[in-house]
Every structure is written in C-alpha cells, then in structure tokens.
N, C-alpha and C. Protein backbone atom coordinates (compact mmCIF):
# COMPACT_ATOMS: atom_id res chain seq x y z
N MET A 1 14.26 6.34 2.26
CA MET A 1 13.25 5.42 2.74
C MET A 1 12.91 4.44 1.61
N ALA A 2 12.83 3.18 1.94
CA ALA A 2 12.51 2.13 0.98
C ALA A 2 11.00 1.94 0.92
N THR A 3 10.54 1.47 -0.23
CA THR A 3 9.10 1.26 -0.45
C THR A 3 8.87 -0.03 -1.21
N VAL A 4 7.79 -0.72 -0.86
CA VAL A 4 7.36 -1.88 -1.63
C VAL A 4 5.84 -1.83 -1.75
N VAL A 5 5.34 -2.22 -2.92
CA VAL A 5 3.89 -2.35 -3.12
C VAL A 5 3.63 -3.83 -3.36
N ILE A 6 2.85 -4.41 -2.47
CA ILE A 6 2.54 -5.83 -2.55
C ILE A 6 1.11 -6.01 -3.04
N GLY A 7 0.97 -6.81 -4.08
CA GLY A 7 -0.35 -7.13 -4.61
C GLY A 7 -0.85 -8.41 -3.97
N VAL A 8 -1.97 -8.31 -3.28
CA VAL A 8 -2.56 -9.46 -2.58
C VAL A 8 -3.81 -9.88 -3.35
N LYS A 9 -3.91 -11.17 -3.65
CA LYS A 9 -5.09 -11.68 -4.35
C LYS A 9 -6.32 -11.54 -3.45
N LYS A 10 -7.46 -11.28 -4.08
CA LYS A 10 -8.71 -11.03 -3.36
C LYS A 10 -9.02 -12.10 -2.31
N GLU A 11 -8.76 -13.36 -2.64
CA GLU A 11 -9.12 -14.43 -1.70
C GLU A 11 -8.29 -14.41 -0.41
N PHE A 12 -7.21 -13.64 -0.41
CA PHE A 12 -6.36 -13.56 0.78
C PHE A 12 -6.48 -12.22 1.51
N THR A 13 -7.36 -11.36 1.06
CA THR A 13 -7.50 -10.02 1.66
C THR A 13 -7.78 -10.09 3.16
N SER A 14 -8.55 -11.06 3.59
CA SER A 14 -8.89 -11.17 5.01
C SER A 14 -7.68 -11.47 5.89
N LYS A 15 -6.59 -11.95 5.30
CA LYS A 15 -5.38 -12.27 6.06
C LYS A 15 -4.48 -11.05 6.27
N VAL A 16 -4.71 -9.98 5.52
CA VAL A 16 -3.84 -8.81 5.57
C VAL A 16 -3.73 -8.19 6.97
N PRO A 17 -4.83 -7.93 7.67
CA PRO A 17 -4.69 -7.32 9.00
C PRO A 17 -3.79 -8.14 9.95
N GLU A 18 -3.91 -9.44 9.89
CA GLU A 18 -3.08 -10.29 10.75
C GLU A 18 -1.60 -10.19 10.36
N LEU A 19 -1.32 -10.18 9.06
CA LEU A 19 0.06 -10.08 8.58
C LEU A 19 0.68 -8.74 8.96
N LEU A 20 -0.13 -7.69 8.97
CA LEU A 20 0.38 -6.37 9.31
C LEU A 20 0.69 -6.21 10.80
N LYS A 21 0.30 -7.19 11.61
CA LYS A 21 0.60 -7.16 13.05
C LYS A 21 2.03 -7.60 13.36
N ASP A 22 2.75 -8.10 12.35
CA ASP A 22 4.14 -8.48 12.57
C ASP A 22 4.87 -7.30 13.21
N ASP A 23 5.67 -7.57 14.23
CA ASP A 23 6.31 -6.51 15.00
C ASP A 23 7.09 -5.53 14.13
N LEU A 24 7.94 -6.02 13.26
CA LEU A 24 8.76 -5.14 12.44
C LEU A 24 7.95 -4.46 11.34
N VAL A 25 7.06 -5.18 10.72
CA VAL A 25 6.23 -4.62 9.64
C VAL A 25 5.31 -3.53 10.20
N SER A 26 4.74 -3.75 11.36
CA SER A 26 3.79 -2.80 11.93
C SER A 26 4.41 -1.45 12.27
N ARG A 27 5.73 -1.40 12.37
CA ARG A 27 6.40 -0.14 12.68
C ARG A 27 6.76 0.67 11.43
N GLN A 28 6.33 0.20 10.27
CA GLN A 28 6.57 0.92 9.01
C GLN A 28 5.31 1.72 8.68
N SER A 29 5.42 2.59 7.69
CA SER A 29 4.26 3.35 7.22
C SER A 29 3.49 2.46 6.24
N ILE A 30 2.21 2.24 6.52
CA ILE A 30 1.41 1.28 5.74
C ILE A 30 0.17 1.97 5.18
N THR A 31 -0.07 1.74 3.90
CA THR A 31 -1.26 2.24 3.22
C THR A 31 -1.87 1.06 2.46
N THR A 32 -3.18 0.92 2.51
CA THR A 32 -3.84 -0.14 1.75
C THR A 32 -4.91 0.46 0.85
N ARG A 33 -5.07 -0.14 -0.32
CA ARG A 33 -6.08 0.32 -1.27
C ARG A 33 -6.51 -0.85 -2.15
N GLU A 34 -7.74 -0.79 -2.61
CA GLU A 34 -8.21 -1.69 -3.66
C GLU A 34 -7.69 -1.12 -4.97
N ALA A 35 -7.18 -1.97 -5.84
CA ALA A 35 -6.68 -1.50 -7.14
C ALA A 35 -7.77 -0.77 -7.90
N ALA A 36 -8.99 -1.28 -7.83
CA ALA A 36 -10.11 -0.66 -8.55
C ALA A 36 -10.37 0.77 -8.06
N ALA A 37 -10.15 1.03 -6.79
CA ALA A 37 -10.35 2.37 -6.24
C ALA A 37 -9.37 3.37 -6.82
N LEU A 38 -8.24 2.87 -7.30
CA LEU A 38 -7.23 3.72 -7.93
C LEU A 38 -7.39 3.73 -9.45
N GLU A 39 -8.50 3.17 -9.91
CA GLU A 39 -8.81 3.07 -11.34
C GLU A 39 -7.76 2.27 -12.10
N LEU A 40 -7.27 1.21 -11.46
CA LEU A 40 -6.33 0.28 -12.09
C LEU A 40 -7.09 -0.96 -12.54
N LYS A 41 -6.72 -1.50 -13.67
CA LYS A 41 -7.38 -2.70 -14.17
C LYS A 41 -6.76 -3.92 -13.50
N SER A 42 -7.17 -4.15 -12.29
CA SER A 42 -6.62 -5.26 -11.51
C SER A 42 -7.61 -5.66 -10.44
N GLU A 43 -7.53 -6.90 -10.04
CA GLU A 43 -8.38 -7.43 -8.97
C GLU A 43 -7.64 -7.47 -7.64
N LEU A 44 -6.43 -6.91 -7.59
CA LEU A 44 -5.60 -7.02 -6.41
C LEU A 44 -5.97 -6.03 -5.31
N PHE A 45 -5.65 -6.42 -4.09
CA PHE A 45 -5.69 -5.54 -2.94
C PHE A 45 -4.24 -5.11 -2.75
N LEU A 46 -3.99 -3.83 -2.64
CA LEU A 46 -2.62 -3.32 -2.62
C LEU A 46 -2.20 -2.90 -1.22
N VAL A 47 -1.02 -3.33 -0.83
CA VAL A 47 -0.44 -2.96 0.46
C VAL A 47 0.86 -2.22 0.15
N ILE A 48 0.90 -0.94 0.50
CA ILE A 48 2.08 -0.11 0.26
C ILE A 48 2.78 0.07 1.59
N ILE A 49 4.04 -0.33 1.62
CA ILE A 49 4.81 -0.25 2.87
C ILE A 49 6.05 0.58 2.61
N GLU A 50 6.21 1.63 3.42
CA GLU A 50 7.38 2.50 3.34
C GLU A 50 8.10 2.44 4.68
N GLY A 51 9.41 2.35 4.62
CA GLY A 51 10.16 2.31 5.87
C GLY A 51 11.62 1.96 5.63
N ASN A 52 12.21 1.36 6.64
CA ASN A 52 13.62 0.98 6.51
C ASN A 52 13.77 -0.34 5.77
N GLU A 53 14.97 -0.60 5.32
CA GLU A 53 15.24 -1.81 4.51
C GLU A 53 14.84 -3.10 5.24
N LYS A 54 15.15 -3.19 6.53
CA LYS A 54 14.81 -4.41 7.28
C LYS A 54 13.30 -4.60 7.33
N GLY A 55 12.56 -3.52 7.53
CA GLY A 55 11.11 -3.60 7.57
C GLY A 55 10.52 -4.03 6.24
N ILE A 56 11.08 -3.51 5.15
CA ILE A 56 10.60 -3.84 3.81
C ILE A 56 10.89 -5.31 3.50
N GLU A 57 12.09 -5.76 3.82
CA GLU A 57 12.44 -7.16 3.58
C GLU A 57 11.57 -8.09 4.40
N ARG A 58 11.28 -7.71 5.64
CA ARG A 58 10.41 -8.53 6.49
C ARG A 58 8.99 -8.56 5.91
N ALA A 59 8.51 -7.44 5.40
CA ALA A 59 7.17 -7.40 4.80
C ALA A 59 7.09 -8.33 3.60
N LYS A 60 8.11 -8.31 2.76
CA LYS A 60 8.13 -9.21 1.60
C LYS A 60 8.06 -10.66 2.05
N GLU A 61 8.76 -10.97 3.10
CA GLU A 61 8.78 -12.35 3.63
C GLU A 61 7.41 -12.73 4.21
N VAL A 62 6.84 -11.85 5.01
CA VAL A 62 5.56 -12.11 5.67
C VAL A 62 4.43 -12.27 4.65
N PHE A 63 4.45 -11.47 3.58
CA PHE A 63 3.38 -11.49 2.59
C PHE A 63 3.57 -12.54 1.50
N LYS A 64 4.70 -13.22 1.49
CA LYS A 64 4.99 -14.20 0.44
C LYS A 64 3.87 -15.22 0.21
N PRO A 65 3.23 -15.75 1.28
CA PRO A 65 2.17 -16.75 1.04
C PRO A 65 0.90 -16.19 0.38
N VAL A 66 0.69 -14.88 0.42
CA VAL A 66 -0.58 -14.33 -0.07
C VAL A 66 -0.44 -13.36 -1.23
N GLY A 67 0.77 -12.92 -1.53
CA GLY A 67 0.95 -11.94 -2.60
C GLY A 67 2.41 -11.75 -2.92
N GLU A 68 2.66 -10.84 -3.84
CA GLU A 68 4.05 -10.59 -4.22
C GLU A 68 4.24 -9.12 -4.57
N PRO A 69 5.46 -8.63 -4.44
CA PRO A 69 5.74 -7.23 -4.79
C PRO A 69 5.46 -6.98 -6.27
N LEU A 70 4.89 -5.84 -6.56
CA LEU A 70 4.64 -5.46 -7.94
C LEU A 70 5.95 -5.06 -8.61
N PRO A 71 6.02 -5.23 -9.93
CA PRO A 71 7.20 -4.73 -10.66
C PRO A 71 7.33 -3.22 -10.44
N GLU A 72 8.54 -2.72 -10.56
CA GLU A 72 8.83 -1.32 -10.24
C GLU A 72 7.93 -0.32 -10.96
N LYS A 73 7.68 -0.53 -12.25
CA LYS A 73 6.86 0.40 -13.02
C LYS A 73 5.43 0.45 -12.49
N GLU A 74 4.85 -0.72 -12.20
CA GLU A 74 3.49 -0.78 -11.67
C GLU A 74 3.43 -0.19 -10.27
N ALA A 75 4.45 -0.48 -9.46
CA ALA A 75 4.50 0.05 -8.09
C ALA A 75 4.54 1.57 -8.11
N ARG A 76 5.33 2.15 -9.01
CA ARG A 76 5.44 3.61 -9.13
C ARG A 76 4.09 4.21 -9.49
N GLU A 77 3.36 3.57 -10.41
CA GLU A 77 2.04 4.06 -10.80
C GLU A 77 1.08 4.05 -9.61
N VAL A 78 1.11 2.98 -8.82
CA VAL A 78 0.25 2.88 -7.64
C VAL A 78 0.59 4.00 -6.65
N ILE A 79 1.87 4.17 -6.37
CA ILE A 79 2.30 5.19 -5.41
C ILE A 79 1.90 6.58 -5.90
N ASP A 80 2.10 6.86 -7.17
CA ASP A 80 1.72 8.16 -7.73
C ASP A 80 0.22 8.41 -7.60
N ARG A 81 -0.58 7.40 -7.86
CA ARG A 81 -2.04 7.56 -7.77
C ARG A 81 -2.49 7.77 -6.32
N VAL A 82 -1.87 7.05 -5.39
CA VAL A 82 -2.23 7.21 -3.98
C VAL A 82 -1.86 8.62 -3.51
N ARG A 83 -0.68 9.09 -3.89
CA ARG A 83 -0.25 10.44 -3.49
C ARG A 83 -1.17 11.50 -4.09
N ALA A 84 -1.56 11.33 -5.34
CA ALA A 84 -2.47 12.28 -5.98
C ALA A 84 -3.81 12.29 -5.25
N GLU A 85 -4.29 11.11 -4.87
CA GLU A 85 -5.55 10.98 -4.13
C GLU A 85 -5.45 11.70 -2.79
N GLU A 86 -4.33 11.52 -2.09
CA GLU A 86 -4.13 12.16 -0.79
C GLU A 86 -4.03 13.67 -0.91
N GLU A 87 -3.35 14.16 -1.95
CA GLU A 87 -3.24 15.60 -2.17
C GLU A 87 -4.61 16.21 -2.45
N LYS A 88 -5.38 15.51 -3.26
CA LYS A 88 -6.72 15.98 -3.60
C LYS A 88 -7.58 16.08 -2.33
N ALA A 89 -7.47 15.08 -1.48
CA ALA A 89 -8.24 15.07 -0.23
C ALA A 89 -7.79 16.21 0.69
N SER A 90 -6.49 16.43 0.79
CA SER A 90 -6.01 17.49 1.68
C SER A 90 -6.38 18.87 1.15
N MET A 91 -6.43 19.02 -0.15
CA MET A 91 -6.85 20.30 -0.73
C MET A 91 -8.32 20.56 -0.41
N GLY A 92 -9.12 19.52 -0.41
CA GLY A 92 -10.54 19.65 -0.08
C GLY A 92 -10.73 20.06 1.36
N VAL A 93 -9.94 19.49 2.25
CA VAL A 93 -10.02 19.85 3.68
C VAL A 93 -9.56 21.29 3.85
N GLY A 94 -8.54 21.70 3.13
CA GLY A 94 -8.04 23.08 3.21
C GLY A 94 -9.11 24.06 2.80
N MET A 95 -9.89 23.72 1.79
CA MET A 95 -10.94 24.62 1.33
C MET A 95 -12.03 24.78 2.39
N ILE A 96 -12.26 23.75 3.17
CA ILE A 96 -13.27 23.84 4.24
C ILE A 96 -12.85 24.87 5.27
N PHE A 97 -11.55 24.85 5.62
CA PHE A 97 -11.05 25.77 6.64
C PHE A 97 -10.86 27.20 6.13
N ASP A 98 -10.77 27.35 4.80
CA ASP A 98 -10.63 28.69 4.23
C ASP A 98 -11.97 29.43 4.17
N ALA A 99 -13.06 28.70 4.25
CA ALA A 99 -14.38 29.30 4.10
C ALA A 99 -14.77 30.13 5.29
C-alpha cells in the first residue's frame, strides 16, 4: 500500500474537505491531523492518504494548489506519531472493557 503525507498551509485548511471528495481520493484511507497536535514544530495541517498508487498520485495532483507532499523522513515521523497516538487510544478503550 502506498502512502503520502501532504502538508497543507493553514490558510487553505477550509478547502481540504472539498478536495477529499474527489472520487478516486475519497476511496483511499484518509487521516487528518494538526501538526501541533502531534507535537511537531509546524503550522501545517496534515493529510495522510494510504491506498493504491493511482489514488496517491491523484491526491498529489488534487492537493497541488494548497499543499505539497512532505519529504520522506518527515512523512515517516508523522505516520509513526499518528500510529502511536492510535495505539495509545485503543489501549485506553481496551482498559475500559477489561474493568
């Protein structure tokens, strides 16, 4: 599965929901986060898209006017932080059901 992390400038954040309605892009796995919420020193709004190559290429094209893909090292850090956040949340839910 291919992945891209697109950094969208704050002034274009309101356009993200409309861009995600693209037919091909909308069929991919999409996660959004504020960089600050992931404790990253950035003002960007992050759109993480996982899916097939055609979907990823279409996402890059659709988001070109408002943002750009992060370099591989930065993208990996974002993905790792999001996964850690999700694991932490699922562990918390598990503890509720164990009680």
